[in-house]
């Protein structure tokens, strides 16, 4: 694992220390790693949403579409519970 040193203003350092103690992190590094991971997930979701918004619609979003979507979710959920 690589090491990175960062400088924070006092109020941000206090916030990090408070989060570490209140939320059960072992170190400030664990807290910062989680923040970075969540930011990466947020960026990935944003990119997926932008790609979806830029794509052409594939099917009408009618009652049949939503029933097929529900069926896919049910099938996926059932497959997860069998594993």
PDB file of N, CA and C in Angstrom:
ATOM      1  N   UNK A   1       0.847  -1.169   0.000  1.00  0.00           N
ATOM      2  CA  UNK A   1       0.000   0.000   0.000  1.00  0.00           C
ATOM      3  C   UNK A   1       0.894   1.234   0.000  1.00  0.00           C
ATOM      4  N   UNK A   2       0.507   2.203  -0.786  1.00  0.00           N
ATOM      5  CA  UNK A   2       1.264   3.449  -0.863  1.00  0.00           C
ATOM      6  C   UNK A   2       0.856   4.388   0.257  1.00  0.00           C
ATOM      7  N   UNK A   3       1.729   5.315   0.553  1.00  0.00           N
ATOM      8  CA  UNK A   3       1.474   6.309   1.590  1.00  0.00           C
ATOM      9  C   UNK A   3       1.350   7.676   0.947  1.00  0.00           C
ATOM     10  N   UNK A   4       0.413   8.477   1.462  1.00  0.00           N
ATOM     11  CA  UNK A   4       0.221   9.841   0.989  1.00  0.00           C
ATOM     12  C   UNK A   4       0.009  10.728   2.208  1.00  0.00           C
ATOM     13  N   UNK A   5       0.732  11.797   2.275  1.00  0.00           N
ATOM     14  CA  UNK A   5       0.546  12.761   3.356  1.00  0.00           C
ATOM     15  C   UNK A   5      -0.244  13.940   2.822  1.00  0.00           C
ATOM     16  N   UNK A   6      -1.261  14.358   3.576  1.00  0.00           N
ATOM     17  CA  UNK A   6      -2.051  15.507   3.162  1.00  0.00           C
ATOM     18  C   UNK A   6      -2.114  16.517   4.301  1.00  0.00           C
ATOM     19  N   UNK A   7      -2.300  17.758   3.946  1.00  0.00           N
ATOM     20  CA  UNK A   7      -2.465  18.828   4.933  1.00  0.00           C
ATOM     21  C   UNK A   7      -3.915  19.275   4.904  1.00  0.00           C
ATOM     22  N   UNK A   8      -4.500  19.426   6.086  1.00  0.00           N
ATOM     23  CA  UNK A   8      -5.880  19.859   6.202  1.00  0.00           C
ATOM     24  C   UNK A   8      -5.970  21.075   7.109  1.00  0.00           C
ATOM     25  N   UNK A   9      -6.896  21.963   6.809  1.00  0.00           N
ATOM     26  CA  UNK A   9      -7.163  23.045   7.767  1.00  0.00           C
ATOM     27  C   UNK A   9      -7.676  22.422   9.070  1.00  0.00           C
ATOM     28  N   UNK A  10      -7.509  23.145  10.158  1.00  0.00           N
ATOM     29  CA  UNK A  10      -7.880  22.610  11.471  1.00  0.00           C
ATOM     30  C   UNK A  10      -9.321  22.115  11.528  1.00  0.00           C
ATOM     31  N   UNK A  11     -10.255  22.861  10.930  1.00  0.00           N
ATOM     32  CA  UNK A  11     -11.660  22.454  11.028  1.00  0.00           C
ATOM     33  C   UNK A  11     -11.921  21.147  10.275  1.00  0.00           C
ATOM     34  N   UNK A  12     -11.210  20.894   9.185  1.00  0.00           N
ATOM     35  CA  UNK A  12     -11.378  19.620   8.477  1.00  0.00           C
ATOM     36  C   UNK A  12     -10.714  18.476   9.236  1.00  0.00           C
ATOM     37  N   UNK A  13      -9.574  18.725   9.817  1.00  0.00           N
ATOM     38  CA  UNK A  13      -8.896  17.699  10.631  1.00  0.00           C
ATOM     39  C   UNK A  13      -9.785  17.306  11.801  1.00  0.00           C
ATOM     40  N   UNK A  14     -10.418  18.294  12.424  1.00  0.00           N
ATOM     41  CA  UNK A  14     -11.336  18.002  13.537  1.00  0.00           C
ATOM     42  C   UNK A  14     -12.514  17.158  13.063  1.00  0.00           C
ATOM     43  N   UNK A  15     -13.021  17.485  11.885  1.00  0.00           N
ATOM     44  CA  UNK A  15     -14.140  16.715  11.332  1.00  0.00           C
ATOM     45  C   UNK A  15     -13.724  15.271  11.086  1.00  0.00           C
ATOM     46  N   UNK A  16     -12.567  15.056  10.493  1.00  0.00           N
ATOM     47  CA  UNK A  16     -12.076  13.698  10.228  1.00  0.00           C
ATOM     48  C   UNK A  16     -11.921  12.948  11.542  1.00  0.00           C
ATOM     49  N   UNK A  17     -11.293  13.569  12.522  1.00  0.00           N
ATOM     50  CA  UNK A  17     -11.101  12.921  13.821  1.00  0.00           C
ATOM     51  C   UNK A  17     -12.443  12.549  14.461  1.00  0.00           C
ATOM     52  N   UNK A  18     -13.413  13.433  14.337  1.00  0.00           N
ATOM     53  CA  UNK A  18     -14.734  13.176  14.897  1.00  0.00           C
ATOM     54  C   UNK A  18     -15.406  11.995  14.198  1.00  0.00           C
ATOM     55  N   UNK A  19     -15.304  11.942  12.871  1.00  0.00           N
ATOM     56  CA  UNK A  19     -15.900  10.846  12.125  1.00  0.00           C
ATOM     57  C   UNK A  19     -15.239   9.515  12.471  1.00  0.00           C
ATOM     58  N   UNK A  20     -13.936   9.527  12.625  1.00  0.00           N
ATOM     59  CA  UNK A  20     -13.205   8.306  12.975  1.00  0.00           C
ATOM     60  C   UNK A  20     -13.693   7.776  14.319  1.00  0.00           C
ATOM     61  N   UNK A  21     -13.826   8.658  15.283  1.00  0.00           N
ATOM     62  CA  UNK A  21     -14.235   8.194  16.615  1.00  0.00           C
ATOM     63  C   UNK A  21     -15.712   7.838  16.674  1.00  0.00           C
ATOM     64  N   UNK A  22     -16.573   8.575  15.999  1.00  0.00           N
ATOM     65  CA  UNK A  22     -18.013   8.334  16.092  1.00  0.00           C
ATOM     66  C   UNK A  22     -18.495   7.195  15.205  1.00  0.00           C
ATOM     67  N   UNK A  23     -17.811   6.957  14.100  1.00  0.00           N
ATOM     68  CA  UNK A  23     -18.312   5.976  13.145  1.00  0.00           C
ATOM     69  C   UNK A  23     -17.515   4.681  13.148  1.00  0.00           C
ATOM     70  N   UNK A  24     -16.582   4.552  14.079  1.00  0.00           N
ATOM     71  CA  UNK A  24     -15.906   3.278  14.270  1.00  0.00           C
ATOM     72  C   UNK A  24     -14.771   2.962  13.317  1.00  0.00           C
ATOM     73  N   UNK A  25     -14.204   3.966  12.686  1.00  0.00           N
ATOM     74  CA  UNK A  25     -13.038   3.716  11.841  1.00  0.00           C
ATOM     75  C   UNK A  25     -11.825   3.518  12.735  1.00  0.00           C
ATOM     76  N   UNK A  26     -10.903   2.675  12.293  1.00  0.00           N
ATOM     77  CA  UNK A  26      -9.692   2.447  13.064  1.00  0.00           C
ATOM     78  C   UNK A  26      -8.716   3.607  12.952  1.00  0.00           C
ATOM     79  N   UNK A  27      -8.670   4.215  11.779  1.00  0.00           N
ATOM     80  CA  UNK A  27      -7.731   5.318  11.537  1.00  0.00           C
ATOM     81  C   UNK A  27      -8.370   6.338  10.599  1.00  0.00           C
ATOM     82  N   UNK A  28      -7.756   7.496  10.535  1.00  0.00           N
ATOM     83  CA  UNK A  28      -8.224   8.507   9.592  1.00  0.00           C
ATOM     84  C   UNK A  28      -8.013   8.035   8.159  1.00  0.00           C
ATOM     85  N   UNK A  29      -7.019   7.197   7.931  1.00  0.00           N
ATOM     86  CA  UNK A  29      -6.785   6.654   6.593  1.00  0.00           C
ATOM     87  C   UNK A  29      -7.968   5.812   6.124  1.00  0.00           C
ATOM     88  N   UNK A  30      -8.541   5.020   7.014  1.00  0.00           N
ATOM     89  CA  UNK A  30      -9.705   4.211   6.656  1.00  0.00           C
ATOM     90  C   UNK A  30     -10.868   5.110   6.235  1.00  0.00           C
ATOM     91  N   UNK A  31     -11.069   6.187   6.978  1.00  0.00           N
ATOM     92  CA  UNK A  31     -12.155   7.118   6.666  1.00  0.00           C
ATOM     93  C   UNK A  31     -11.928   7.764   5.299  1.00  0.00           C
ATOM     94  N   UNK A  32     -10.721   8.234   5.049  1.00  0.00           N
ATOM     95  CA  UNK A  32     -10.410   8.886   3.778  1.00  0.00           C
ATOM     96  C   UNK A  32     -10.518   7.891   2.627  1.00  0.00           C
ATOM     97  N   UNK A  33     -10.074   6.665   2.835  1.00  0.00           N
ATOM     98  CA  UNK A  33     -10.203   5.633   1.791  1.00  0.00           C
ATOM     99  C   UNK A  33     -11.664   5.398   1.439  1.00  0.00           C
ATOM    100  N   UNK A  34     -12.530   5.359   2.439  1.00  0.00           N
ATOM    101  CA  UNK A  34     -13.953   5.165   2.162  1.00  0.00           C
ATOM    102  C   UNK A  34     -14.526   6.356   1.397  1.00  0.00           C
ATOM    103  N   UNK A  35     -14.123   7.570   1.766  1.00  0.00           N
ATOM    104  CA  UNK A  35     -14.597   8.753   1.037  1.00  0.00           C
ATOM    105  C   UNK A  35     -14.180   8.695  -0.429  1.00  0.00           C
ATOM    106  N   UNK A  36     -12.947   8.301  -0.676  1.00  0.00           N
ATOM    107  CA  UNK A  36     -12.453   8.214  -2.055  1.00  0.00           C
ATOM    108  C   UNK A  36     -13.194   7.129  -2.813  1.00  0.00           C
ATOM    109  N   UNK A  37     -13.426   5.996  -2.168  1.00  0.00           N
ATOM    110  CA  UNK A  37     -14.151   4.904  -2.799  1.00  0.00           C
ATOM    111  C   UNK A  37     -15.572   5.329  -3.164  1.00  0.00           C
ATOM    112  N   UNK A  38     -16.239   6.030  -2.258  1.00  0.00           N
ATOM    113  CA  UNK A  38     -17.592   6.507  -2.530  1.00  0.00           C
ATOM    114  C   UNK A  38     -17.594   7.537  -3.656  1.00  0.00           C
ATOM    115  N   UNK A  39     -16.565   8.360  -3.721  1.00  0.00           N
ATOM    116  CA  UNK A  39     -16.464   9.331  -4.806  1.00  0.00           C
ATOM    117  C   UNK A  39     -16.278   8.623  -6.144  1.00  0.00           C
ATOM    118  N   UNK A  40     -15.479   7.570  -6.167  1.00  0.00           N
ATOM    119  CA  UNK A  40     -15.298   6.797  -7.395  1.00  0.00           C
ATOM    120  C   UNK A  40     -16.625   6.176  -7.833  1.00  0.00           C
ATOM    121  N   UNK A  41     -17.381   5.636  -6.885  1.00  0.00           N
ATOM    122  CA  UNK A  41     -18.683   5.052  -7.204  1.00  0.00           C
ATOM    123  C   UNK A  41     -19.642   6.110  -7.734  1.00  0.00           C
ATOM    124  N   UNK A  42     -19.602   7.297  -7.126  1.00  0.00           N
ATOM    125  CA  UNK A  42     -20.455   8.392  -7.574  1.00  0.00           C
ATOM    126  C   UNK A  42     -20.115   8.787  -9.004  1.00  0.00           C
ATOM    127  N   UNK A  43     -18.825   8.864  -9.314  1.00  0.00           N
ATOM    128  CA  UNK A  43     -18.402   9.213 -10.670  1.00  0.00           C
ATOM    129  C   UNK A  43     -18.807   8.140 -11.673  1.00  0.00           C
ATOM    130  N   UNK A  44     -18.685   6.878 -11.279  1.00  0.00           N
ATOM    131  CA  UNK A  44     -19.093   5.783 -12.160  1.00  0.00           C
ATOM    132  C   UNK A  44     -20.588   5.857 -12.438  1.00  0.00           C
ATOM    133  N   UNK A  45     -21.384   6.088 -11.404  1.00  0.00           N
ATOM    134  CA  UNK A  45     -22.828   6.219 -11.587  1.00  0.00           C
ATOM    135  C   UNK A  45     -23.151   7.407 -12.481  1.00  0.00           C
ATOM    136  N   UNK A  46     -22.482   8.519 -12.262  1.00  0.00           N
ATOM    137  CA  UNK A  46     -22.709   9.708 -13.098  1.00  0.00           C
ATOM    138  C   UNK A  46     -22.428   9.395 -14.561  1.00  0.00           C
ATOM    139  N   UNK A  47     -21.310   8.712 -14.819  1.00  0.00           N
ATOM    140  CA  UNK A  47     -20.968   8.362 -16.202  1.00  0.00           C
ATOM    141  C   UNK A  47     -22.001   7.418 -16.818  1.00  0.00           C
ATOM    142  N   UNK A  48     -22.497   6.462 -16.033  1.00  0.00           N
ATOM    143  CA  UNK A  48     -23.535   5.562 -16.534  1.00  0.00           C
ATOM    144  C   UNK A  48     -24.825   6.315 -16.840  1.00  0.00           C
ATOM    145  N   UNK A  49     -25.188   7.242 -15.958  1.00  0.00           N
ATOM    146  CA  UNK A  49     -26.391   8.038 -16.185  1.00  0.00           C
ATOM    147  C   UNK A  49     -26.257   8.916 -17.423  1.00  0.00           C
ATOM    148  N   UNK A  50     -25.085   9.528 -17.596  1.00  0.00           N
ATOM    149  CA  UNK A  50     -24.861  10.358 -18.782  1.00  0.00           C
ATOM    150  C   UNK A  50     -24.893   9.520 -20.054  1.00  0.00           C
ATOM    151  N   UNK A  51     -24.298   8.328 -20.007  1.00  0.00           N
ATOM    152  CA  UNK A  51     -24.318   7.446 -21.171  1.00  0.00           C
ATOM    153  C   UNK A  51     -25.748   7.019 -21.490  1.00  0.00           C
ATOM    154  N   UNK A  52     -26.522   6.722 -20.466  1.00  0.00           N
ATOM    155  CA  UNK A  52     -27.914   6.341 -20.674  1.00  0.00           C
ATOM    156  C   UNK A  52     -28.735   7.487 -21.236  1.00  0.00           C
ATOM    157  N   UNK A  53     -28.491   8.688 -20.739  1.00  0.00           N
ATOM    158  CA  UNK A  53     -29.225   9.853 -21.224  1.00  0.00           C
ATOM    159  C   UNK A  53     -28.891  10.159 -22.679  1.00  0.00           C
ATOM    160  N   UNK A  54     -27.668   9.855 -23.082  1.00  0.00           N
ATOM    161  CA  UNK A  54     -27.235  10.136 -24.448  1.00  0.00           C
ATOM    162  C   UNK A  54     -27.650   9.047 -25.431  1.00  0.00           C
ATOM    163  N   UNK A  55     -28.064   7.891 -24.923  1.00  0.00           N
ATOM    164  CA  UNK A  55     -28.417   6.791 -25.820  1.00  0.00           C
ATOM    165  C   UNK A  55     -29.866   6.913 -26.283  1.00  0.00           C
ATOM    166  N   UNK A  56     -30.147   6.287 -27.393  1.00  0.00           N
ATOM    167  CA  UNK A  56     -31.511   6.288 -27.937  1.00  0.00           C
ATOM    168  C   UNK A  56     -32.379   5.327 -27.131  1.00  0.00           C
ATOM    169  N   UNK A  57     -33.645   5.652 -26.962  1.00  0.00           N
ATOM    170  CA  UNK A  57     -34.544   4.730 -26.260  1.00  0.00           C
ATOM    171  C   UNK A  57     -34.649   3.413 -27.020  1.00  0.00           C
ATOM    172  N   UNK A  58     -34.690   2.322 -26.276  1.00  0.00           N
ATOM    173  CA  UNK A  58     -34.748   1.010 -26.922  1.00  0.00           C
ATOM    174  C   UNK A  58     -36.162   0.462 -26.967  1.00  0.00           C
ATOM    175  N   UNK A  59     -36.981   0.820 -25.994  1.00  0.00           N
ATOM    176  CA  UNK A  59     -38.341   0.297 -25.961  1.00  0.00           C
ATOM    177  C   UNK A  59     -39.233   1.320 -25.259  1.00  0.00           C
ATOM    178  N   UNK A  60     -40.500   1.246 -25.551  1.00  0.00           N
ATOM    179  CA  UNK A  60     -41.454   2.126 -24.879  1.00  0.00           C
ATOM    180  C   UNK A  60     -41.545   1.742 -23.407  1.00  0.00           C
ATOM    181  N   UNK A  61     -41.655   2.712 -22.553  1.00  0.00           N
ATOM    182  CA  UNK A  61     -41.772   2.460 -21.120  1.00  0.00           C
ATOM    183  C   UNK A  61     -43.249   2.382 -20.752  1.00  0.00           C
ATOM    184  N   UNK A  62     -43.887   1.300 -21.195  1.00  0.00           N
ATOM    185  CA  UNK A  62     -45.295   1.082 -20.906  1.00  0.00           C
ATOM    186  C   UNK A  62     -45.431   0.029 -19.803  1.00  0.00           C
ATOM    187  N   UNK A  63     -46.652  -0.388 -19.536  1.00  0.00           N
ATOM    188  CA  UNK A  63     -46.900  -1.360 -18.469  1.00  0.00           C
ATOM    189  C   UNK A  63     -46.162  -2.670 -18.719  1.00  0.00           C
ATOM    190  N   UNK A  64     -46.097  -3.096 -19.955  1.00  0.00           N
ATOM    191  CA  UNK A  64     -45.402  -4.333 -20.301  1.00  0.00           C
ATOM    192  C   UNK A  64     -43.909  -4.230 -20.001  1.00  0.00           C
ATOM    193  N   UNK A  65     -43.333  -3.105 -20.306  1.00  0.00           N
ATOM    194  CA  UNK A  65     -41.907  -2.883 -20.028  1.00  0.00           C
ATOM    195  C   UNK A  65     -41.625  -3.029 -18.538  1.00  0.00           C
ATOM    196  N   UNK A  66     -42.456  -2.383 -17.720  1.00  0.00           N
ATOM    197  CA  UNK A  66     -42.213  -2.428 -16.275  1.00  0.00           C
ATOM    198  C   UNK A  66     -42.465  -3.828 -15.703  1.00  0.00           C
ATOM    199  N   UNK A  67     -43.418  -4.561 -16.248  1.00  0.00           N
ATOM    200  CA  UNK A  67     -43.637  -5.935 -15.790  1.00  0.00           C
ATOM    201  C   UNK A  67     -42.437  -6.815 -16.131  1.00  0.00           C
ATOM    202  N   UNK A  68     -41.866  -6.639 -17.318  1.00  0.00           N
ATOM    203  CA  UNK A  68     -40.664  -7.390 -17.690  1.00  0.00           C
ATOM    204  C   UNK A  68     -39.496  -7.025 -16.777  1.00  0.00           C
ATOM    205  N   UNK A  69     -39.400  -5.757 -16.437  1.00  0.00           N
ATOM    206  CA  UNK A  69     -38.343  -5.306 -15.529  1.00  0.00           C
ATOM    207  C   UNK A  69     -38.506  -5.937 -14.150  1.00  0.00           C
ATOM    208  N   UNK A  70     -39.746  -5.953 -13.648  1.00  0.00           N
ATOM    209  CA  UNK A  70     -40.006  -6.587 -12.349  1.00  0.00           C
ATOM    210  C   UNK A  70     -39.642  -8.065 -12.382  1.00  0.00           C
ATOM    211  N   UNK A  71     -39.976  -8.746 -13.473  1.00  0.00           N
ATOM    212  CA  UNK A  71     -39.660 -10.165 -13.605  1.00  0.00           C
ATOM    213  C   UNK A  71     -38.155 -10.394 -13.590  1.00  0.00           C
ATOM    214  N   UNK A  72     -37.405  -9.534 -14.269  1.00  0.00           N
ATOM    215  CA  UNK A  72     -35.945  -9.657 -14.266  1.00  0.00           C
ATOM    216  C   UNK A  72     -35.385  -9.479 -12.862  1.00  0.00           C
ATOM    217  N   UNK A  73     -35.932  -8.519 -12.125  1.00  0.00           N
ATOM    218  CA  UNK A  73     -35.466  -8.287 -10.751  1.00  0.00           C
ATOM    219  C   UNK A  73     -35.807  -9.492  -9.878  1.00  0.00           C
ATOM    220  N   UNK A  74     -37.031 -10.012 -10.002  1.00  0.00           N
ATOM    221  CA  UNK A  74     -37.420 -11.198  -9.218  1.00  0.00           C
ATOM    222  C   UNK A  74     -36.510 -12.377  -9.527  1.00  0.00           C
ATOM    223  N   UNK A  75     -36.245 -12.621 -10.795  1.00  0.00           N
ATOM    224  CA  UNK A  75     -35.379 -13.736 -11.185  1.00  0.00           C
ATOM    225  C   UNK A  75     -33.977 -13.553 -10.651  1.00  0.00           C
ATOM    226  N   UNK A  76     -33.484 -12.336 -10.711  1.00  0.00           N
ATOM    227  CA  UNK A  76     -32.132 -12.054 -10.211  1.00  0.00           C
ATOM    228  C   UNK A  76     -32.085 -12.252  -8.694  1.00  0.00           C
ATOM    229  N   UNK A  77     -33.101 -11.785  -8.000  1.00  0.00           N
ATOM    230  CA  UNK A  77     -33.162 -11.924  -6.538  1.00  0.00           C
ATOM    231  C   UNK A  77     -33.247 -13.392  -6.144  1.00  0.00           C
ATOM    232  N   UNK A  78     -34.056 -14.162  -6.851  1.00  0.00           N
ATOM    233  CA  UNK A  78     -34.175 -15.588  -6.551  1.00  0.00           C
ATOM    234  C   UNK A  78     -32.854 -16.314  -6.795  1.00  0.00           C
ATOM    235  N   UNK A  79     -32.139 -15.940  -7.838  1.00  0.00           N
ATOM    236  CA  UNK A  79     -30.838 -16.562  -8.130  1.00  0.00           C
ATOM    237  C   UNK A  79     -29.840 -16.246  -7.024  1.00  0.00           C
ATOM    238  N   UNK A  80     -29.894 -15.018  -6.480  1.00  0.00           N
ATOM    239  CA  UNK A  80     -28.992 -14.637  -5.396  1.00  0.00           C
ATOM    240  C   UNK A  80     -29.270 -15.421  -4.124  1.00  0.00           C
ATOM    241  N   UNK A  81     -30.544 -15.695  -3.834  1.00  0.00           N
ATOM    242  CA  UNK A  81     -30.876 -16.406  -2.600  1.00  0.00           C
ATOM    243  C   UNK A  81     -30.532 -17.887  -2.686  1.00  0.00           C
ATOM    244  N   UNK A  82     -30.419 -18.423  -3.901  1.00  0.00           N
ATOM    245  CA  UNK A  82     -30.048 -19.833  -4.056  1.00  0.00           C
ATOM    246  C   UNK A  82     -28.545 -20.053  -3.877  1.00  0.00           C
ATOM    247  N   UNK A  83     -27.775 -19.021  -4.000  1.00  0.00           N
ATOM    248  CA  UNK A  83     -26.307 -19.189  -3.923  1.00  0.00           C
ATOM    249  C   UNK A  83     -25.842 -19.267  -2.530  1.00  0.00           C
TER     250      UNK A  83
END
